């Protein structure tokens, strides 16, 4: 291996170093991203178990999960009124 590196010129050595660093960076990013996704799933499972232990209904659990992930349905800023506005 050292013979191979000794045969490289300065520019080739810099190029090789660049690609090695890029490969290590890419692999590190892949591992970190997969770890993050796994940890997120693990935390969601723990949250669901805790909510079930507290006796929350399935609808309540869905509402909490939607709110925590930002997937909740947008609310109407002007909901229909429940009182009648008609004159007698």
Foldseek 3Di string as FASTA:
>chain_A
DVVVVVPDDPVVNVVVVVVVVVVVVVVVVVVVVVVVVVVVVVVLVVVVVVCVVVVDDPVVNVVVVCVVVVNDDDDDPDDDDPDDPDDD
